[in-house]
C-alpha atoms as a PDB file:
ATOM      1  CA  MET A   1     -18.465 -10.427 -29.981  1.00  0.00           C
ATOM      2  CA  SER A   2     -16.407 -11.591 -27.019  1.00  0.00           C
ATOM      3  CA  PRO A   3     -12.594 -11.865 -27.080  1.00  0.00           C
ATOM      4  CA  THR A   4     -10.986 -15.091 -28.108  1.00  0.00           C
ATOM      5  CA  THR A   5     -10.635 -17.705 -25.367  1.00  0.00           C
ATOM      6  CA  SER A   6      -8.186 -20.086 -27.014  1.00  0.00           C
ATOM      7  CA  SER A   7      -5.054 -20.940 -25.066  1.00  0.00           C
ATOM      8  CA  PRO A   8      -2.534 -18.141 -25.610  1.00  0.00           C
ATOM      9  CA  VAL A   9       0.728 -19.220 -27.202  1.00  0.00           C
ATOM     10  CA  ASN A  10       2.859 -16.284 -26.059  1.00  0.00           C
ATOM     11  CA  ASP A  11       2.847 -13.235 -23.833  1.00  0.00           C
ATOM     12  CA  ASP A  12       1.853 -10.891 -26.666  1.00  0.00           C
ATOM     13  CA  THR A  13      -1.299 -12.926 -27.272  1.00  0.00           C
ATOM     14  CA  ILE A  14      -2.153 -12.823 -23.572  1.00  0.00           C
ATOM     15  CA  THR A  15      -1.675  -9.057 -23.508  1.00  0.00           C
ATOM     16  CA  GLU A  16      -3.921  -8.535 -26.535  1.00  0.00           C
ATOM     17  CA  THR A  17      -6.628 -10.819 -25.131  1.00  0.00           C
ATOM     18  CA  ALA A  18      -6.469  -9.101 -21.739  1.00  0.00           C
ATOM     19  CA  ALA A  19      -6.882  -5.724 -23.453  1.00  0.00           C
ATOM     20  CA  GLN A  20      -9.896  -7.016 -25.386  1.00  0.00           C
ATOM     21  CA  TRP A  21     -11.531  -8.339 -22.236  1.00  0.00           C
ATOM     22  CA  PHE A  22     -10.697  -5.160 -20.346  1.00  0.00           C
ATOM     23  CA  MET A  23     -12.702  -3.070 -22.778  1.00  0.00           C
ATOM     24  CA  ARG A  24     -15.455  -5.595 -23.486  1.00  0.00           C
ATOM     25  CA  LEU A  25     -16.363  -5.873 -19.808  1.00  0.00           C
ATOM     26  CA  GLN A  26     -16.909  -2.110 -19.658  1.00  0.00           C
ATOM     27  CA  ASP A  27     -19.366  -2.180 -22.543  1.00  0.00           C
ATOM     28  CA  GLU A  28     -23.026  -1.827 -21.595  1.00  0.00           C
ATOM     29  CA  ASP A  29     -24.137  -4.755 -23.753  1.00  0.00           C
ATOM     30  CA  CYS A  30     -21.624  -7.263 -22.341  1.00  0.00           C
ATOM     31  CA  THR A  31     -23.722 -10.367 -21.609  1.00  0.00           C
ATOM     32  CA  ASP A  32     -23.722 -12.720 -18.627  1.00  0.00           C
ATOM     33  CA  ALA A  33     -22.521 -15.486 -20.930  1.00  0.00           C
ATOM     34  CA  GLU A  34     -19.541 -13.378 -21.953  1.00  0.00           C
ATOM     35  CA  ARG A  35     -18.739 -12.619 -18.329  1.00  0.00           C
ATOM     36  CA  SER A  36     -18.849 -16.333 -17.596  1.00  0.00           C
ATOM     37  CA  THR A  37     -16.492 -16.978 -20.504  1.00  0.00           C
ATOM     38  CA  PHE A  38     -14.183 -14.284 -19.194  1.00  0.00           C
ATOM     39  CA  ALA A  39     -14.128 -15.928 -15.755  1.00  0.00           C
ATOM     40  CA  GLN A  40     -13.095 -19.205 -17.370  1.00  0.00           C
ATOM     41  CA  TRP A  41     -10.338 -17.506 -19.352  1.00  0.00           C
ATOM     42  CA  LEU A  42      -9.119 -15.673 -16.242  1.00  0.00           C
ATOM     43  CA  THR A  43      -8.658 -18.898 -14.255  1.00  0.00           C
ATOM     44  CA  ALA A  44      -7.318 -21.026 -17.117  1.00  0.00           C
ATOM     45  CA  ASP A  45      -3.744 -19.785 -16.690  1.00  0.00           C
ATOM     46  CA  PRO A  46      -2.129 -17.740 -13.857  1.00  0.00           C
ATOM     47  CA  ARG A  47      -0.655 -15.445 -16.518  1.00  0.00           C
ATOM     48  CA  HIS A  48      -4.148 -14.427 -17.601  1.00  0.00           C
ATOM     49  CA  ALA A  49      -5.041 -12.988 -14.193  1.00  0.00           C
ATOM     50  CA  ARG A  50      -1.671 -11.270 -13.858  1.00  0.00           C
ATOM     51  CA  GLU A  51      -1.904  -9.658 -17.295  1.00  0.00           C
ATOM     52  CA  TYR A  52      -5.512  -8.564 -16.822  1.00  0.00           C
ATOM     53  CA  GLU A  53      -4.692  -7.018 -13.447  1.00  0.00           C
ATOM     54  CA  ALA A  54      -1.671  -5.281 -14.975  1.00  0.00           C
ATOM     55  CA  MET A  55      -3.881  -3.948 -17.787  1.00  0.00           C
ATOM     56  CA  ARG A  56      -6.414  -2.609 -15.295  1.00  0.00           C
ATOM     57  CA  ALA A  57      -3.754  -1.135 -13.025  1.00  0.00           C
ATOM     58  CA  THR A  58      -1.776   0.531 -15.804  1.00  0.00           C
ATOM     59  CA  TRP A  59      -4.920   2.068 -17.247  1.00  0.00           C
ATOM     60  CA  GLN A  60      -5.721   3.458 -13.798  1.00  0.00           C
ATOM     61  CA  ALA A  61      -2.164   4.749 -13.609  1.00  0.00           C
ATOM     62  CA  CYS A  62      -2.757   6.667 -16.824  1.00  0.00           C
ATOM     63  CA  ASP A  63      -5.451   8.698 -15.059  1.00  0.00           C
ATOM     64  CA  GLY A  64      -2.817  10.319 -12.847  1.00  0.00           C
ATOM     65  CA  LEU A  65      -0.195  11.003 -15.484  1.00  0.00           C
ATOM     66  CA  THR A  66       1.153  14.386 -16.409  1.00  0.00           C
ATOM     67  CA  PRO A  67      -0.497  16.281 -19.301  1.00  0.00           C
ATOM     68  CA  ALA A  68       2.137  14.744 -21.592  1.00  0.00           C
ATOM     69  CA  LEU A  69       0.016  11.606 -21.615  1.00  0.00           C
ATOM     70  CA  GLY A  70      -3.252  13.414 -22.095  1.00  0.00           C
ATOM     71  CA  PRO A  71      -5.784  12.562 -24.821  1.00  0.00           C
ATOM     72  CA  SER A  72      -3.561  13.884 -27.594  1.00  0.00           C
ATOM     73  CA  ALA A  73      -0.777  11.444 -26.646  1.00  0.00           C
ATOM     74  CA  ILE A  74      -3.004   8.369 -26.849  1.00  0.00           C
ATOM     75  CA  PRO A  75      -4.290   7.095 -30.194  1.00  0.00           C
ATOM     76  CA  ALA A  76      -7.940   8.017 -30.676  1.00  0.00           C
ATOM     77  CA  THR A  77      -9.000   4.380 -30.684  1.00  0.00           C
ATOM     78  CA  ALA A  78      -7.380   3.869 -27.273  1.00  0.00           C
ATOM     79  CA  ARG A  79      -9.551   6.393 -25.460  1.00  0.00           C
ATOM     80  CA  PRO A  80     -12.423   4.799 -23.515  1.00  0.00           C
ATOM     81  CA  SER A  81     -15.873   6.109 -24.366  1.00  0.00           C
ATOM     82  CA  GLY A  82     -19.329   5.549 -22.969  1.00  0.00           C
ATOM     83  CA  SER A  83     -20.723   5.382 -26.511  1.00  0.00           C
ATOM     84  CA  ARG A  84     -21.258   1.828 -27.744  1.00  0.00           C
ATOM     85  CA  GLY A  85     -21.476   3.150 -31.301  1.00  0.00           C
ATOM     86  CA  TYR A  86     -18.021   4.668 -31.000  1.00  0.00           C
ATOM     87  CA  ARG A  87     -16.509   1.387 -29.850  1.00  0.00           C
ATOM     88  CA  ARG A  88     -18.295  -0.656 -32.479  1.00  0.00           C
ATOM     89  CA  ALA A  89     -17.233   1.769 -35.217  1.00  0.00           C
ATOM     90  CA  PHE A  90     -13.592   1.165 -34.548  1.00  0.00           C
ATOM     91  CA  GLY A  91     -13.914  -2.406 -33.332  1.00  0.00           C
ATOM     92  CA  LEU A  92     -12.751  -3.998 -30.142  1.00  0.00           C
ATOM     93  CA  ALA A  93      -9.742  -5.533 -31.857  1.00  0.00           C
ATOM     94  CA  ALA A  94      -8.566  -2.133 -33.088  1.00  0.00           C
ATOM     95  CA  PHE A  95      -9.200  -0.689 -29.649  1.00  0.00           C
ATOM     96  CA  ALA A  96      -7.155  -3.428 -27.974  1.00  0.00           C
ATOM     97  CA  GLY A  97      -4.292  -2.961 -30.410  1.00  0.00           C
ATOM     98  CA  ALA A  98      -4.284   0.797 -29.917  1.00  0.00           C
ATOM     99  CA  LEU A  99      -4.447   0.402 -26.152  1.00  0.00           C
ATOM    100  CA  THR A 100      -1.482  -1.965 -26.204  1.00  0.00           C
ATOM    101  CA  LEU A 101       0.386   0.483 -28.445  1.00  0.00           C
ATOM    102  CA  ALA A 102      -0.426   3.401 -26.148  1.00  0.00           C
ATOM    103  CA  LEU A 103       0.800   1.509 -23.087  1.00  0.00           C
ATOM    104  CA  GLY A 104       3.971   0.514 -24.958  1.00  0.00           C
ATOM    105  CA  ILE A 105       4.644   4.126 -25.861  1.00  0.00           C
ATOM    106  CA  GLY A 106       3.866   5.126 -22.288  1.00  0.00           C
ATOM    107  CA  TRP A 107       6.417   2.657 -20.938  1.00  0.00           C
ATOM    108  CA  ASN A 108       9.143   3.822 -23.329  1.00  0.00           C
ATOM    109  CA  MET A 109       8.486   7.394 -22.230  1.00  0.00           C
ATOM    110  CA  GLY A 110       8.519   6.391 -18.537  1.00  0.00           C
ATOM    111  CA  TRP A 111       4.833   7.187 -18.023  1.00  0.00           C
ATOM    112  CA  VAL A 112       3.358   3.697 -17.647  1.00  0.00           C
ATOM    113  CA  PRO A 113       4.661   0.769 -15.530  1.00  0.00           C
ATOM    114  CA  SER A 114       5.736  -2.430 -17.238  1.00  0.00           C
ATOM    115  CA  GLU A 115       4.939  -4.464 -14.135  1.00  0.00           C
ATOM    116  CA  TYR A 116       2.369  -4.208 -11.351  1.00  0.00           C
ATOM    117  CA  THR A 117       2.177  -6.597  -8.386  1.00  0.00           C
ATOM    118  CA  THR A 118       0.249  -6.383  -5.110  1.00  0.00           C
ATOM    119  CA  TYR A 119       1.415  -8.002  -1.868  1.00  0.00           C
ATOM    120  CA  GLU A 120      -0.594  -8.436   1.320  1.00  0.00           C
ATOM    121  CA  ALA A 121      -0.153  -9.842   4.821  1.00  0.00           C
ATOM    122  CA  ASP A 122      -3.311 -10.445   6.812  1.00  0.00           C
ATOM    123  CA  SER A 123      -3.197 -12.312  10.113  1.00  0.00           C
ATOM    124  CA  ALA A 124       0.572 -12.921  10.159  1.00  0.00           C
ATOM    125  CA  SER A 125       3.732 -11.186   8.964  1.00  0.00           C
ATOM    126  CA  ARG A 126       5.153 -12.174   5.585  1.00  0.00           C
ATOM    127  CA  LEU A 127       8.485 -11.891   3.764  1.00  0.00           C
ATOM    128  CA  VAL A 128       8.306 -11.136   0.033  1.00  0.00           C
ATOM    129  CA  THR A 129      10.891 -10.560  -2.683  1.00  0.00           C
ATOM    130  CA  LEU A 130      10.028  -7.897  -5.253  1.00  0.00           C
ATOM    131  CA  PRO A 131      10.800  -8.432  -8.960  1.00  0.00           C
ATOM    132  CA  ASP A 132      13.852  -6.158  -8.666  1.00  0.00           C
ATOM    133  CA  GLY A 133      15.352  -8.334  -5.901  1.00  0.00           C
ATOM    134  CA  SER A 134      14.393  -6.045  -3.017  1.00  0.00           C
ATOM    135  CA  ARG A 135      13.148  -7.846   0.106  1.00  0.00           C
ATOM    136  CA  VAL A 136      10.182  -6.610   2.132  1.00  0.00           C
ATOM    137  CA  GLU A 137       8.915  -7.821   5.499  1.00  0.00           C
ATOM    138  CA  LEU A 138       5.201  -7.103   5.727  1.00  0.00           C
ATOM    139  CA  ASN A 139       3.731  -6.740   9.196  1.00  0.00           C
ATOM    140  CA  THR A 140       0.218  -7.946   9.992  1.00  0.00           C
ATOM    141  CA  ARG A 141      -2.582  -6.224   8.010  1.00  0.00           C
ATOM    142  CA  THR A 142      -0.252  -4.610   5.509  1.00  0.00           C
ATOM    143  CA  GLN A 143      -0.754  -4.063   1.782  1.00  0.00           C
ATOM    144  CA  ILE A 144       1.653  -2.660  -0.807  1.00  0.00           C
ATOM    145  CA  SER A 145       1.796  -2.530  -4.610  1.00  0.00           C
ATOM    146  CA  TYR A 146       4.986  -2.610  -6.669  1.00  0.00           C
ATOM    147  CA  LEU A 147       5.196  -0.809 -10.022  1.00  0.00           C
ATOM    148  CA  ARG A 148       8.266  -1.002 -12.242  1.00  0.00           C
ATOM    149  CA  TYR A 149       8.769   1.846 -14.696  1.00  0.00           C
ATOM    150  CA  LYS A 150      11.530   2.274 -17.259  1.00  0.00           C
ATOM    151  CA  ASP A 151      13.495   4.680 -15.048  1.00  0.00           C
ATOM    152  CA  ARG A 152      12.203   4.110 -11.491  1.00  0.00           C
ATOM    153  CA  ARG A 153      10.656   1.672  -9.033  1.00  0.00           C
ATOM    154  CA  ILE A 154       7.510   2.689  -7.142  1.00  0.00           C
ATOM    155  CA  VAL A 155       5.855   1.077  -4.118  1.00  0.00           C
ATOM    156  CA  ASN A 156       2.368   2.341  -3.299  1.00  0.00           C
ATOM    157  CA  PHE A 157       1.930   1.855   0.439  1.00  0.00           C
ATOM    158  CA  GLY A 158      -1.709   0.966   1.020  1.00  0.00           C
ATOM    159  CA  LYS A 159      -1.716   0.351   4.779  1.00  0.00           C
ATOM    160  CA  GLY A 160       0.207  -1.150   7.681  1.00  0.00           C
ATOM    161  CA  GLU A 161       3.947  -1.471   8.288  1.00  0.00           C
ATOM    162  CA  ALA A 162       6.872  -2.874   6.320  1.00  0.00           C
ATOM    163  CA  PHE A 163      10.646  -3.192   6.538  1.00  0.00           C
ATOM    164  CA  PHE A 164      12.473  -2.673   3.225  1.00  0.00           C
ATOM    165  CA  GLU A 165      15.864  -4.007   2.120  1.00  0.00           C
ATOM    166  CA  VAL A 166      16.253  -2.283  -1.229  1.00  0.00           C
ATOM    167  CA  ALA A 167      18.284  -3.790  -4.058  1.00  0.00           C
ATOM    168  CA  HIS A 168      20.773  -1.183  -5.252  1.00  0.00           C
ATOM    169  CA  ASP A 169      20.137   0.340  -8.662  1.00  0.00           C
ATOM    170  CA  ALA A 170      21.412   3.904  -9.015  1.00  0.00           C
ATOM    171  CA  LEU A 171      19.694   4.289 -12.396  1.00  0.00           C
ATOM    172  CA  LYS A 172      16.257   3.346 -11.026  1.00  0.00           C
ATOM    173  CA  PRO A 173      15.475   5.088  -7.727  1.00  0.00           C
ATOM    174  CA  PHE A 174      13.257   3.158  -5.316  1.00  0.00           C
ATOM    175  CA  VAL A 175      10.350   5.309  -4.066  1.00  0.00           C
ATOM    176  CA  VAL A 176       7.755   4.379  -1.458  1.00  0.00           C
ATOM    177  CA  GLN A 177       4.626   6.521  -1.747  1.00  0.00           C
ATOM    178  CA  ALA A 178       2.885   6.594   1.641  1.00  0.00           C
ATOM    179  CA  GLY A 179       0.016   8.984   2.276  1.00  0.00           C
ATOM    180  CA  LYS A 180       0.691  12.323   0.609  1.00  0.00           C
ATOM    181  CA  GLY A 181       4.443  11.920   0.961  1.00  0.00           C
ATOM    182  CA  SER A 182       7.203   9.623  -0.225  1.00  0.00           C
ATOM    183  CA  ILE A 183      10.497   7.985   0.779  1.00  0.00           C
ATOM    184  CA  GLN A 184      13.211   7.691  -1.875  1.00  0.00           C
ATOM    185  CA  ALA A 185      16.237   5.379  -1.712  1.00  0.00           C
ATOM    186  CA  THR A 186      18.657   3.554  -4.003  1.00  0.00           C
ATOM    187  CA  GLY A 187      20.003   0.718  -1.829  1.00  0.00           C
ATOM    188  CA  THR A 188      19.165   0.866   1.865  1.00  0.00           C
ATOM    189  CA  ARG A 189      17.228  -0.619   4.806  1.00  0.00           C
ATOM    190  CA  PHE A 190      14.348   1.243   6.395  1.00  0.00           C
ATOM    191  CA  ASN A 191      10.964   0.794   8.067  1.00  0.00           C
ATOM    192  CA  VAL A 192       7.692   2.489   7.099  1.00  0.00           C
ATOM    193  CA  TRP A 193       4.657   2.594   9.384  1.00  0.00           C
ATOM    194  CA  MET A 194       1.366   4.198   8.330  1.00  0.00           C
ATOM    195  CA  TYR A 195      -1.791   4.716  10.373  1.00  0.00           C
ATOM    196  CA  GLU A 196      -4.614   6.770   8.835  1.00  0.00           C
ATOM    197  CA  ASP A 197      -2.773   9.926   7.624  1.00  0.00           C
ATOM    198  CA  GLN A 198       0.277   9.445   9.866  1.00  0.00           C
ATOM    199  CA  VAL A 199       3.553   8.086   8.457  1.00  0.00           C
ATOM    200  CA  ASN A 200       6.732   7.215  10.357  1.00  0.00           C
ATOM    201  CA  VAL A 201      10.054   6.281   8.700  1.00  0.00           C
ATOM    202  CA  ILE A 202      13.002   4.697  10.542  1.00  0.00           C
ATOM    203  CA  LEU A 203      16.340   4.443   8.735  1.00  0.00           C
ATOM    204  CA  VAL A 204      18.627   1.542   9.680  1.00  0.00           C
ATOM    205  CA  GLU A 205      21.209   1.637   6.889  1.00  0.00           C
ATOM    206  CA  GLY A 206      22.024   3.847   3.898  1.00  0.00           C
ATOM    207  CA  SER A 207      20.178   7.089   3.284  1.00  0.00           C
ATOM    208  CA  VAL A 208      16.678   8.125   2.281  1.00  0.00           C
ATOM    209  CA  LEU A 209      14.972  11.320   1.195  1.00  0.00           C
ATOM    210  CA  VAL A 210      11.608  11.884   2.918  1.00  0.00           C
ATOM    211  CA  LEU A 211       8.970  14.131   1.397  1.00  0.00           C
ATOM    212  CA  GLY A 212       5.881  15.034   3.418  1.00  0.00           C
ATOM    213  CA  ASP A 213       3.915  16.205   0.390  1.00  0.00           C
ATOM    214  CA  ARG A 214       4.781  15.045  -3.146  1.00  0.00           C
ATOM    215  CA  ALA A 215       3.112  18.186  -4.472  1.00  0.00           C
ATOM    216  CA  GLN A 216       5.844  20.255  -2.766  1.00  0.00           C
ATOM    217  CA  PRO A 217       9.121  18.510  -3.742  1.00  0.00           C
ATOM    218  CA  GLY A 218      11.262  21.344  -2.399  1.00  0.00           C
ATOM    219  CA  ARG A 219      10.423  20.519   1.216  1.00  0.00           C
ATOM    220  CA  SER A 220      12.280  17.225   1.554  1.00  0.00           C
ATOM    221  CA  LEU A 221      14.330  15.841   4.427  1.00  0.00           C
ATOM    222  CA  SER A 222      17.436  13.650   4.238  1.00  0.00           C
ATOM    223  CA  LEU A 223      17.847  10.951   6.903  1.00  0.00           C
ATOM    224  CA  MET A 224      20.986   9.220   8.105  1.00  0.00           C
ATOM    225  CA  PRO A 225      21.108   5.839   9.909  1.00  0.00           C
ATOM    226  CA  GLY A 226      19.695   6.019  13.432  1.00  0.00           C
ATOM    227  CA  MET A 227      17.211   8.748  12.522  1.00  0.00           C
ATOM    228  CA  GLN A 228      13.458   8.737  12.006  1.00  0.00           C
ATOM    229  CA  ALA A 229      11.018  11.057  10.260  1.00  0.00           C
ATOM    230  CA  TYR A 230       7.339  11.675  10.825  1.00  0.00           C
ATOM    231  CA  TYR A 231       4.703  13.410   8.726  1.00  0.00           C
ATOM    232  CA  ARG A 232       0.934  13.497   8.411  1.00  0.00           C
ATOM    233  CA  GLY A 233      -1.618  14.597   5.845  1.00  0.00           C
ATOM    234  CA  ASN A 234      -1.734  18.304   6.712  1.00  0.00           C
ATOM    235  CA  GLU A 235       2.030  18.717   7.184  1.00  0.00           C
ATOM    236  CA  ALA A 236       4.153  19.273   4.072  1.00  0.00           C
ATOM    237  CA  GLN A 237       7.426  19.391   6.033  1.00  0.00           C
ATOM    238  CA  PRO A 238       8.405  16.091   7.717  1.00  0.00           C
ATOM    239  CA  GLN A 239       9.829  16.212  11.247  1.00  0.00           C
ATOM    240  CA  ALA A 240      13.084  14.376  12.013  1.00  0.00           C
ATOM    241  CA  SER A 241      14.555  13.099  15.269  1.00  0.00           C
ATOM    242  CA  GLN A 242      17.294  10.813  16.532  1.00  0.00           C
ATOM    243  CA  ILE A 243      16.152   7.351  17.593  1.00  0.00           C
ATOM    244  CA  LYS A 244      16.481   7.018  21.364  1.00  0.00           C
ATOM    245  CA  ALA A 245      18.591   4.306  22.967  1.00  0.00           C
ATOM    246  CA  GLY A 246      16.475   1.247  23.682  1.00  0.00           C
ATOM    247  CA  ASP A 247      13.877   2.139  21.049  1.00  0.00           C
ATOM    248  CA  ALA A 248      11.893  -1.000  20.220  1.00  0.00           C
ATOM    249  CA  SER A 249       9.922   0.185  17.202  1.00  0.00           C
ATOM    250  CA  LEU A 250      11.290  -2.676  15.080  1.00  0.00           C
ATOM    251  CA  ALA A 251      10.611  -5.404  17.670  1.00  0.00           C
ATOM    252  CA  TRP A 252       7.622  -6.507  15.566  1.00  0.00           C
ATOM    253  CA  ARG A 253      10.108  -8.176  13.209  1.00  0.00           C
ATOM    254  CA  TYR A 254      10.921 -10.593  16.040  1.00  0.00           C
ATOM    255  CA  GLY A 255       7.340 -11.198  17.184  1.00  0.00           C
ATOM    256  CA  LYS A 256       7.337  -8.614  19.980  1.00  0.00           C
ATOM    257  CA  LEU A 257       5.514  -5.392  20.740  1.00  0.00           C
ATOM    258  CA  VAL A 258       7.409  -3.307  23.292  1.00  0.00           C
ATOM    259  CA  PHE A 259       6.250  -0.074  24.958  1.00  0.00           C
ATOM    260  CA  ASN A 260       8.750   2.028  26.889  1.00  0.00           C
ATOM    261  CA  ASP A 261       6.613   4.416  28.948  1.00  0.00           C
ATOM    262  CA  LEU A 262       4.569   5.360  25.877  1.00  0.00           C
ATOM    263  CA  PRO A 263       1.367   7.441  26.175  1.00  0.00           C
ATOM    264  CA  LEU A 264      -1.678   5.283  25.561  1.00  0.00           C
ATOM    265  CA  ARG A 265      -2.820   7.511  22.674  1.00  0.00           C
ATOM    266  CA  GLN A 266       0.422   6.668  20.858  1.00  0.00           C
ATOM    267  CA  ALA A 267       0.353   3.001  21.821  1.00  0.00           C
ATOM    268  CA  LEU A 268      -3.185   2.245  20.622  1.00  0.00           C
ATOM    269  CA  PRO A 269      -2.487   2.689  16.882  1.00  0.00           C
ATOM    270  CA  LEU A 270       0.292   0.109  17.284  1.00  0.00           C
ATOM    271  CA  ILE A 271      -1.925  -2.237  19.303  1.00  0.00           C
ATOM    272  CA  ASN A 272      -5.029  -1.997  17.135  1.00  0.00           C
ATOM    273  CA  ARG A 273      -3.470  -3.644  14.062  1.00  0.00           C
ATOM    274  CA  TYR A 274      -3.391  -6.934  15.998  1.00  0.00           C
ATOM    275  CA  LEU A 275      -6.943  -6.787  17.395  1.00  0.00           C
ATOM    276  CA  PRO A 276     -10.185  -7.877  15.688  1.00  0.00           C
ATOM    277  CA  ALA A 277     -11.832  -4.553  16.665  1.00  0.00           C
ATOM    278  CA  PRO A 278      -9.915  -1.297  17.309  1.00  0.00           C
ATOM    279  CA  VAL A 279      -9.796   0.005  20.878  1.00  0.00           C
ATOM    280  CA  MET A 280     -10.943   3.605  21.358  1.00  0.00           C
ATOM    281  CA  LEU A 281     -10.051   6.207  23.984  1.00  0.00           C
ATOM    282  CA  GLY A 282     -12.882   7.488  26.159  1.00  0.00           C
ATOM    283  CA  ASP A 283     -11.234  10.864  26.833  1.00  0.00           C
ATOM    284  CA  ASN A 284      -7.942  12.762  26.741  1.00  0.00           C
ATOM    285  CA  ALA A 285      -7.064  11.829  30.321  1.00  0.00           C
ATOM    286  CA  THR A 286      -7.117   8.171  29.364  1.00  0.00           C
ATOM    287  CA  GLY A 287      -4.801   8.882  26.436  1.00  0.00           C
ATOM    288  CA  ASP A 288      -2.289  10.489  28.830  1.00  0.00           C
ATOM    289  CA  LEU A 289      -1.793   7.235  30.751  1.00  0.00           C
ATOM    290  CA  ARG A 290       1.628   5.738  30.023  1.00  0.00           C
ATOM    291  CA  LEU A 291       2.232   2.130  29.080  1.00  0.00           C
ATOM    292  CA  GLY A 292       5.433   0.227  29.784  1.00  0.00           C
ATOM    293  CA  LEU A 293       5.378  -3.471  28.958  1.00  0.00           C
ATOM    294  CA  SER A 294       6.335  -6.119  26.410  1.00  0.00           C
ATOM    295  CA  TYR A 295       3.930  -8.456  24.617  1.00  0.00           C
ATOM    296  CA  ASN A 296       4.285 -11.379  22.286  1.00  0.00           C
ATOM    297  CA  ILE A 297       2.373 -10.424  19.157  1.00  0.00           C
ATOM    298  CA  SER A 298       0.742 -13.864  19.147  1.00  0.00           C
ATOM    299  CA  GLU A 299      -0.837 -13.001  22.535  1.00  0.00           C
ATOM    300  CA  MET A 300      -2.190  -9.590  21.525  1.00  0.00           C
ATOM    301  CA  PRO A 301      -5.861 -10.723  21.302  1.00  0.00           C
ATOM    302  CA  ARG A 302      -5.725 -11.200  25.107  1.00  0.00           C
ATOM    303  CA  LEU A 303      -4.340  -7.722  25.738  1.00  0.00           C
ATOM    304  CA  LEU A 304      -7.710  -6.112  26.297  1.00  0.00           C
ATOM    305  CA  THR A 305      -8.534  -8.335  29.269  1.00  0.00           C
ATOM    306  CA  SER A 306      -5.098  -7.835  30.858  1.00  0.00           C
ATOM    307  CA  LEU A 307      -4.817  -4.065  30.334  1.00  0.00           C
ATOM    308  CA  PRO A 308      -6.940  -3.128  33.412  1.00  0.00           C
ATOM    309  CA  GLN A 309      -4.436  -5.109  35.490  1.00  0.00           C
ATOM    310  CA  VAL A 310      -1.541  -2.814  34.550  1.00  0.00           C
ATOM    311  CA  LEU A 311      -3.361   0.501  34.047  1.00  0.00           C
ATOM    312  CA  PRO A 312      -6.192   2.244  35.948  1.00  0.00           C
ATOM    313  CA  VAL A 313      -8.746   1.756  33.170  1.00  0.00           C
ATOM    314  CA  ARG A 314     -12.065   0.073  32.627  1.00  0.00           C
ATOM    315  CA  VAL A 315     -13.419  -1.237  29.344  1.00  0.00           C
ATOM    316  CA  THR A 316     -16.880  -0.542  27.925  1.00  0.00           C
ATOM    317  CA  LEU A 317     -18.461  -1.065  24.513  1.00  0.00           C
ATOM    318  CA  ASN A 318     -19.831   1.772  22.392  1.00  0.00           C
ATOM    319  CA  GLU A 319     -22.939   1.571  20.185  1.00  0.00           C
ATOM    320  CA  GLN A 320     -20.868   0.063  17.354  1.00  0.00           C
ATOM    321  CA  GLY A 321     -19.600  -2.682  19.657  1.00  0.00           C
ATOM    322  CA  GLN A 322     -16.052  -1.276  19.794  1.00  0.00           C
ATOM    323  CA  PRO A 323     -14.155  -1.440  23.106  1.00  0.00           C
ATOM    324  CA  VAL A 324     -13.550   1.915  24.787  1.00  0.00           C
ATOM    325  CA  LEU A 325     -10.998   2.602  27.540  1.00  0.00           C
ATOM    326  CA  HIS A 326     -11.875   4.946  30.416  1.00  0.00           C
ATOM    327  CA  LYS A 327      -9.505   6.167  33.113  1.00  0.00           C
ATOM    328  CA  GLN A 328     -10.550   5.461  36.673  1.00  0.00           C
ATOM    329  CA  SER A 329      -9.007   6.107  40.056  1.00  0.00           C
ATOM    330  CA  ARG A 330      -6.941   3.422  41.718  1.00  0.00           C
ATOM    331  CA  ALA A 331      -9.426   3.384  44.604  1.00  0.00           C
ATOM    332  CA  THR A 332     -12.298   2.643  42.239  1.00  0.00           C
ATOM    333  CA  GLN A 333     -10.220  -0.003  40.457  1.00  0.00           C
ATOM    334  CA  LYS A 334      -9.583  -1.902  43.721  1.00  0.00           C
ATOM    335  CA  ARG A 335     -13.280  -2.296  44.600  1.00  0.00           C
END
């Protein structure tokens, strides 16, 4: 039997229906007709999609909880099982009710988020306001998720770069989880950039606590305005430094990408976010070349054709069709 599809009259009804659908769609005997009915329900009201996504996300969040929210903390009827007989014995309605109860208990205990929202910026930057009033500027090709718990606010940093203006709430710390580490603040302004397993944090105002590895909370680093921190996947201790005069790392907020005599190996991760295909380095010598110029972000797709005019490089394509830069002598370049 599929969940009810009548128009929900309140948020509780939506939550219960979303829980029913969440479990029914995992059942092996869920029919194509039921999936079609679910699709209709999902698009009938924007609240349906939001609640279903929240149900899915919070259940996933349960997988990473501390042992306090292990199987013994969740009612037996709220534990998913691959056995259709088990689900039928207790009934989908009972399962949905128990799941809702378990999530409610989890929220009261601070284990499960009461809100989950994802924000993305694709081909252009975007300004968003989080439910807590914090403002976030998302750079191109950036994705974050906001989770509100009873006693804290969490942002899961999926990819890209973002500038945060955090709404002050001393009772609910604001934590950005990027890579293996995290950045904690209460009310402050800072920038987070992530590329593969590398994370860079620039503090503009306030203070933040940077942790290179959340599994080792004792190895944190406190930043003051005008400082930056860097960490990567295999480094538990973040490295801090003072921002140099003339640093243009935040120029992206004004539509610019500025390089002040930066090695090409460090510049490419910044450049590649704006290109349809990432540019690769042919060798270490090419990565040692230094780049000093300013570009309008809107003109970045033309960078590849202009780069050989400012650096002694040539461009080839590898077997995957990706552009590769190779250093060449000035004499060869002039021919």
